Amino acid sequence: MSEKQSTTDVSSDDRLWAALAYVFSPLVPVILLLLEDKKDRPYIRAHNFQALVAGLLISFIIIPFTLGCGVVVWLVMFYWAYQAYQGEMVNIPLISDFVKNQGWA
């Protein structure tokens, strides 16, 4: 499920970068880690690390073994991107808790 975050502190730029992190993961999340003005924004940070972990898992573990699922996985990532762009927090089973417990978000 997703939670709404207060829209006063989340800009449209934040929502766009959060969405791009899911769609082009793991490339965009790595780039966002290098951008000083983006990496410390709470909304971007929360989505960025989730997208990074999900993208790495999908890229290096799941997709090589199940190439036929690649399109489905990309559609799921696209859905998470849509939620992020709408200003919602995305809760990815296991990954969201892992990212929060590491203190990354």
N, C-alpha and C. Protein backbone atom coordinates (compact mmCIF):
# COMPACT_ATOMS: atom_id res chain seq x y z
N MET A 1 0.84 -1.18 0.00
CA MET A 1 0.00 0.00 0.00
C MET A 1 0.89 1.25 0.00
N SER A 2 0.30 2.36 -0.29
CA SER A 2 1.07 3.59 -0.32
C SER A 2 0.46 4.59 0.65
N GLU A 3 1.32 5.49 1.12
CA GLU A 3 0.89 6.53 2.04
C GLU A 3 1.09 7.87 1.37
N LYS A 4 0.18 8.80 1.62
CA LYS A 4 0.35 10.16 1.11
C LYS A 4 1.31 10.90 2.02
N GLN A 5 2.23 11.66 1.44
CA GLN A 5 3.11 12.52 2.20
C GLN A 5 2.59 13.93 2.03
N SER A 6 2.83 14.77 2.99
CA SER A 6 2.36 16.14 2.89
C SER A 6 2.89 16.76 1.61
N THR A 7 2.00 17.36 0.83
CA THR A 7 2.38 17.89 -0.47
C THR A 7 3.10 19.23 -0.36
N THR A 8 3.13 19.83 0.82
CA THR A 8 3.80 21.12 0.97
C THR A 8 5.31 21.01 0.86
N ASP A 9 5.87 19.87 1.23
CA ASP A 9 7.33 19.74 1.18
C ASP A 9 7.81 18.87 0.02
N VAL A 10 6.90 18.43 -0.84
CA VAL A 10 7.27 17.63 -2.00
C VAL A 10 6.97 18.43 -3.27
N SER A 11 8.03 18.77 -3.98
CA SER A 11 7.85 19.57 -5.20
C SER A 11 7.57 18.65 -6.40
N SER A 12 7.15 19.24 -7.49
CA SER A 12 6.93 18.44 -8.71
C SER A 12 8.26 17.88 -9.21
N ASP A 13 9.34 18.60 -8.97
CA ASP A 13 10.67 18.11 -9.34
C ASP A 13 11.01 16.85 -8.53
N ASP A 14 10.68 16.87 -7.23
CA ASP A 14 10.90 15.69 -6.38
C ASP A 14 10.13 14.50 -6.92
N ARG A 15 8.87 14.72 -7.27
CA ARG A 15 8.03 13.63 -7.78
C ARG A 15 8.57 13.08 -9.09
N LEU A 16 9.04 13.97 -9.96
CA LEU A 16 9.59 13.54 -11.24
C LEU A 16 10.84 12.68 -11.04
N TRP A 17 11.77 13.13 -10.21
CA TRP A 17 12.99 12.35 -9.96
C TRP A 17 12.68 11.02 -9.31
N ALA A 18 11.71 11.01 -8.39
CA ALA A 18 11.32 9.75 -7.75
C ALA A 18 10.77 8.78 -8.78
N ALA A 19 9.95 9.27 -9.69
CA ALA A 19 9.39 8.42 -10.74
C ALA A 19 10.49 7.91 -11.67
N LEU A 20 11.40 8.78 -12.07
CA LEU A 20 12.48 8.38 -12.96
C LEU A 20 13.39 7.34 -12.31
N ALA A 21 13.52 7.42 -10.99
CA ALA A 21 14.35 6.43 -10.28
C ALA A 21 13.81 5.03 -10.46
N TYR A 22 12.48 4.88 -10.45
CA TYR A 22 11.89 3.54 -10.64
C TYR A 22 11.98 3.09 -12.10
N VAL A 23 11.66 3.99 -13.02
CA VAL A 23 11.60 3.62 -14.43
C VAL A 23 12.99 3.26 -14.97
N PHE A 24 14.01 3.99 -14.57
CA PHE A 24 15.35 3.78 -15.10
C PHE A 24 16.31 3.26 -14.04
N SER A 25 15.81 2.40 -13.17
CA SER A 25 16.64 1.82 -12.12
C SER A 25 17.48 0.70 -12.70
N PRO A 26 18.70 0.54 -12.28
CA PRO A 26 19.43 1.21 -11.22
C PRO A 26 20.25 2.42 -11.67
N LEU A 27 20.15 2.83 -12.93
CA LEU A 27 20.97 3.93 -13.44
C LEU A 27 20.65 5.27 -12.77
N VAL A 28 19.39 5.68 -12.80
CA VAL A 28 19.02 6.99 -12.25
C VAL A 28 19.28 7.06 -10.73
N PRO A 29 18.96 6.01 -9.95
CA PRO A 29 19.28 6.09 -8.53
C PRO A 29 20.77 6.34 -8.25
N VAL A 30 21.63 5.71 -9.04
CA VAL A 30 23.07 5.94 -8.85
C VAL A 30 23.41 7.40 -9.19
N ILE A 31 22.84 7.92 -10.25
CA ILE A 31 23.07 9.33 -10.62
C ILE A 31 22.57 10.25 -9.52
N LEU A 32 21.39 9.96 -8.97
CA LEU A 32 20.84 10.81 -7.91
C LEU A 32 21.72 10.82 -6.67
N LEU A 33 22.40 9.72 -6.41
CA LEU A 33 23.32 9.68 -5.26
C LEU A 33 24.49 10.64 -5.45
N LEU A 34 24.77 10.98 -6.69
CA LEU A 34 25.90 11.88 -6.99
C LEU A 34 25.48 13.35 -7.09
N LEU A 35 24.19 13.62 -7.15
CA LEU A 35 23.71 15.00 -7.27
C LEU A 35 23.46 15.57 -5.89
N GLU A 36 24.30 16.51 -5.48
CA GLU A 36 24.23 17.07 -4.14
C GLU A 36 22.87 17.67 -3.80
N ASP A 37 22.25 18.38 -4.75
CA ASP A 37 20.98 19.04 -4.46
C ASP A 37 19.80 18.08 -4.44
N LYS A 38 19.98 16.86 -4.92
CA LYS A 38 18.87 15.90 -4.96
C LYS A 38 18.96 14.83 -3.88
N LYS A 39 20.17 14.38 -3.57
CA LYS A 39 20.32 13.21 -2.71
C LYS A 39 19.83 13.41 -1.28
N ASP A 40 19.73 14.64 -0.81
CA ASP A 40 19.30 14.89 0.56
C ASP A 40 17.83 15.29 0.67
N ARG A 41 17.11 15.34 -0.44
CA ARG A 41 15.67 15.63 -0.40
C ARG A 41 14.97 14.39 0.14
N PRO A 42 14.21 14.49 1.25
CA PRO A 42 13.62 13.30 1.88
C PRO A 42 12.75 12.45 0.95
N TYR A 43 11.93 13.08 0.14
CA TYR A 43 11.04 12.33 -0.75
C TYR A 43 11.84 11.58 -1.81
N ILE A 44 12.80 12.27 -2.41
CA ILE A 44 13.64 11.63 -3.42
C ILE A 44 14.46 10.52 -2.78
N ARG A 45 15.02 10.80 -1.61
CA ARG A 45 15.87 9.83 -0.92
C ARG A 45 15.11 8.54 -0.63
N ALA A 46 13.89 8.65 -0.13
CA ALA A 46 13.10 7.46 0.21
C ALA A 46 12.83 6.62 -1.02
N HIS A 47 12.38 7.25 -2.09
CA HIS A 47 12.09 6.51 -3.31
C HIS A 47 13.37 6.03 -4.00
N ASN A 48 14.42 6.83 -3.94
CA ASN A 48 15.66 6.51 -4.64
C ASN A 48 16.27 5.20 -4.13
N PHE A 49 16.36 5.04 -2.83
CA PHE A 49 16.98 3.83 -2.31
C PHE A 49 16.10 2.60 -2.55
N GLN A 50 14.79 2.77 -2.47
CA GLN A 50 13.91 1.65 -2.78
C GLN A 50 14.07 1.25 -4.25
N ALA A 51 14.09 2.24 -5.13
CA ALA A 51 14.25 1.96 -6.56
C ALA A 51 15.61 1.31 -6.83
N LEU A 52 16.65 1.78 -6.15
CA LEU A 52 17.98 1.23 -6.34
C LEU A 52 18.04 -0.24 -5.93
N VAL A 53 17.56 -0.55 -4.73
CA VAL A 53 17.58 -1.93 -4.25
C VAL A 53 16.72 -2.82 -5.15
N ALA A 54 15.51 -2.35 -5.48
CA ALA A 54 14.62 -3.14 -6.34
C ALA A 54 15.26 -3.33 -7.72
N GLY A 55 15.83 -2.29 -8.28
CA GLY A 55 16.46 -2.37 -9.59
C GLY A 55 17.65 -3.32 -9.61
N LEU A 56 18.46 -3.28 -8.55
CA LEU A 56 19.60 -4.19 -8.48
C LEU A 56 19.14 -5.64 -8.36
N LEU A 57 18.17 -5.87 -7.50
CA LEU A 57 17.65 -7.23 -7.35
C LEU A 57 17.08 -7.73 -8.66
N ILE A 58 16.30 -6.90 -9.29
CA ILE A 58 15.67 -7.29 -10.55
C ILE A 58 16.71 -7.47 -11.66
N SER A 59 17.67 -6.58 -11.73
CA SER A 59 18.67 -6.63 -12.80
C SER A 59 19.62 -7.80 -12.68
N PHE A 60 20.05 -8.12 -11.47
CA PHE A 60 21.11 -9.11 -11.31
C PHE A 60 20.64 -10.47 -10.80
N ILE A 61 19.43 -10.56 -10.30
CA ILE A 61 18.97 -11.84 -9.77
C ILE A 61 17.77 -12.37 -10.54
N ILE A 62 16.73 -11.60 -10.64
CA ILE A 62 15.47 -12.10 -11.19
C ILE A 62 15.49 -12.17 -12.70
N ILE A 63 15.85 -11.11 -13.38
CA ILE A 63 15.76 -11.07 -14.85
C ILE A 63 16.66 -12.11 -15.53
N PRO A 64 17.90 -12.31 -15.11
CA PRO A 64 18.70 -13.33 -15.80
C PRO A 64 18.06 -14.73 -15.77
N PHE A 65 17.33 -15.03 -14.72
CA PHE A 65 16.72 -16.35 -14.59
C PHE A 65 15.34 -16.43 -15.21
N THR A 66 14.70 -15.31 -15.36
CA THR A 66 13.33 -15.31 -15.90
C THR A 66 13.16 -14.15 -16.88
N LEU A 67 13.79 -14.28 -18.02
CA LEU A 67 13.74 -13.20 -19.01
C LEU A 67 12.32 -12.90 -19.46
N GLY A 68 11.46 -13.89 -19.47
CA GLY A 68 10.08 -13.67 -19.88
C GLY A 68 9.33 -12.74 -18.93
N CYS A 69 9.79 -12.61 -17.71
CA CYS A 69 9.12 -11.76 -16.73
C CYS A 69 9.60 -10.31 -16.81
N GLY A 70 10.58 -10.04 -17.67
CA GLY A 70 11.15 -8.70 -17.74
C GLY A 70 10.13 -7.62 -18.00
N VAL A 71 9.21 -7.87 -18.90
CA VAL A 71 8.19 -6.88 -19.23
C VAL A 71 7.26 -6.65 -18.04
N VAL A 72 6.88 -7.71 -17.38
CA VAL A 72 5.99 -7.60 -16.22
C VAL A 72 6.68 -6.81 -15.11
N VAL A 73 7.94 -7.13 -14.87
CA VAL A 73 8.70 -6.43 -13.83
C VAL A 73 8.82 -4.95 -14.18
N TRP A 74 9.08 -4.65 -15.44
CA TRP A 74 9.19 -3.25 -15.85
C TRP A 74 7.86 -2.53 -15.65
N LEU A 75 6.75 -3.20 -15.92
CA LEU A 75 5.44 -2.60 -15.70
C LEU A 75 5.19 -2.31 -14.22
N VAL A 76 5.63 -3.21 -13.36
CA VAL A 76 5.50 -2.98 -11.91
C VAL A 76 6.33 -1.76 -11.52
N MET A 77 7.56 -1.68 -12.03
CA MET A 77 8.42 -0.52 -11.73
C MET A 77 7.77 0.76 -12.27
N PHE A 78 7.15 0.67 -13.43
CA PHE A 78 6.47 1.82 -14.01
C PHE A 78 5.29 2.24 -13.11
N TYR A 79 4.57 1.28 -12.55
CA TYR A 79 3.47 1.59 -11.63
C TYR A 79 3.99 2.30 -10.39
N TRP A 80 5.10 1.82 -9.85
CA TRP A 80 5.70 2.50 -8.68
C TRP A 80 6.13 3.91 -9.06
N ALA A 81 6.64 4.08 -10.27
CA ALA A 81 7.02 5.42 -10.74
C ALA A 81 5.80 6.33 -10.80
N TYR A 82 4.68 5.79 -11.29
CA TYR A 82 3.45 6.57 -11.37
C TYR A 82 3.00 6.98 -9.97
N GLN A 83 3.06 6.07 -9.01
CA GLN A 83 2.68 6.40 -7.64
C GLN A 83 3.58 7.50 -7.07
N ALA A 84 4.88 7.37 -7.30
CA ALA A 84 5.82 8.38 -6.81
C ALA A 84 5.53 9.74 -7.44
N TYR A 85 5.23 9.74 -8.74
CA TYR A 85 4.93 10.99 -9.43
C TYR A 85 3.64 11.62 -8.92
N GLN A 86 2.71 10.80 -8.44
CA GLN A 86 1.46 11.30 -7.88
C GLN A 86 1.63 11.83 -6.45
N GLY A 87 2.83 11.74 -5.90
CA GLY A 87 3.09 12.24 -4.56
C GLY A 87 2.86 11.22 -3.47
N GLU A 88 2.79 9.96 -3.83
CA GLU A 88 2.54 8.91 -2.85
C GLU A 88 3.85 8.21 -2.48
N MET A 89 3.90 7.69 -1.27
CA MET A 89 5.02 6.87 -0.85
C MET A 89 4.74 5.45 -1.29
N VAL A 90 5.72 4.79 -1.84
CA VAL A 90 5.57 3.42 -2.32
C VAL A 90 6.08 2.48 -1.25
N ASN A 91 5.29 1.45 -0.95
CA ASN A 91 5.70 0.45 0.02
C ASN A 91 5.93 -0.86 -0.73
N ILE A 92 7.21 -1.20 -0.93
CA ILE A 92 7.58 -2.42 -1.63
C ILE A 92 7.85 -3.48 -0.57
N PRO A 93 7.13 -4.60 -0.61
CA PRO A 93 7.34 -5.64 0.41
C PRO A 93 8.82 -5.99 0.55
N LEU A 94 9.27 -6.10 1.77
CA LEU A 94 10.64 -6.42 2.16
C LEU A 94 11.62 -5.29 1.87
N ILE A 95 11.58 -4.71 0.69
CA ILE A 95 12.56 -3.69 0.31
C ILE A 95 12.36 -2.40 1.10
N SER A 96 11.11 -1.94 1.25
CA SER A 96 10.85 -0.69 1.98
C SER A 96 11.33 -0.79 3.42
N ASP A 97 11.03 -1.91 4.08
CA ASP A 97 11.49 -2.10 5.46
C ASP A 97 13.01 -2.17 5.53
N PHE A 98 13.63 -2.86 4.59
CA PHE A 98 15.09 -2.96 4.55
C PHE A 98 15.73 -1.58 4.42
N VAL A 99 15.21 -0.77 3.50
CA VAL A 99 15.77 0.57 3.28
C VAL A 99 15.60 1.44 4.52
N LYS A 100 14.43 1.37 5.17
CA LYS A 100 14.19 2.15 6.39
C LYS A 100 15.10 1.68 7.53
N ASN A 101 15.26 0.37 7.68
CA ASN A 101 16.08 -0.17 8.76
C ASN A 101 17.56 0.17 8.57
N GLN A 102 17.99 0.37 7.34
CA GLN A 102 19.37 0.77 7.07
C GLN A 102 19.59 2.26 7.33
N GLY A 103 18.48 3.01 7.54
CA GLY A 103 18.57 4.45 7.75
C GLY A 103 18.76 5.22 6.48
N TRP A 104 18.47 4.61 5.35
CA TRP A 104 18.64 5.28 4.06
C TRP A 104 17.45 6.16 3.72
N ALA A 105 16.33 5.95 4.37
CA ALA A 105 15.13 6.75 4.08
C ALA A 105 14.41 7.08 5.36
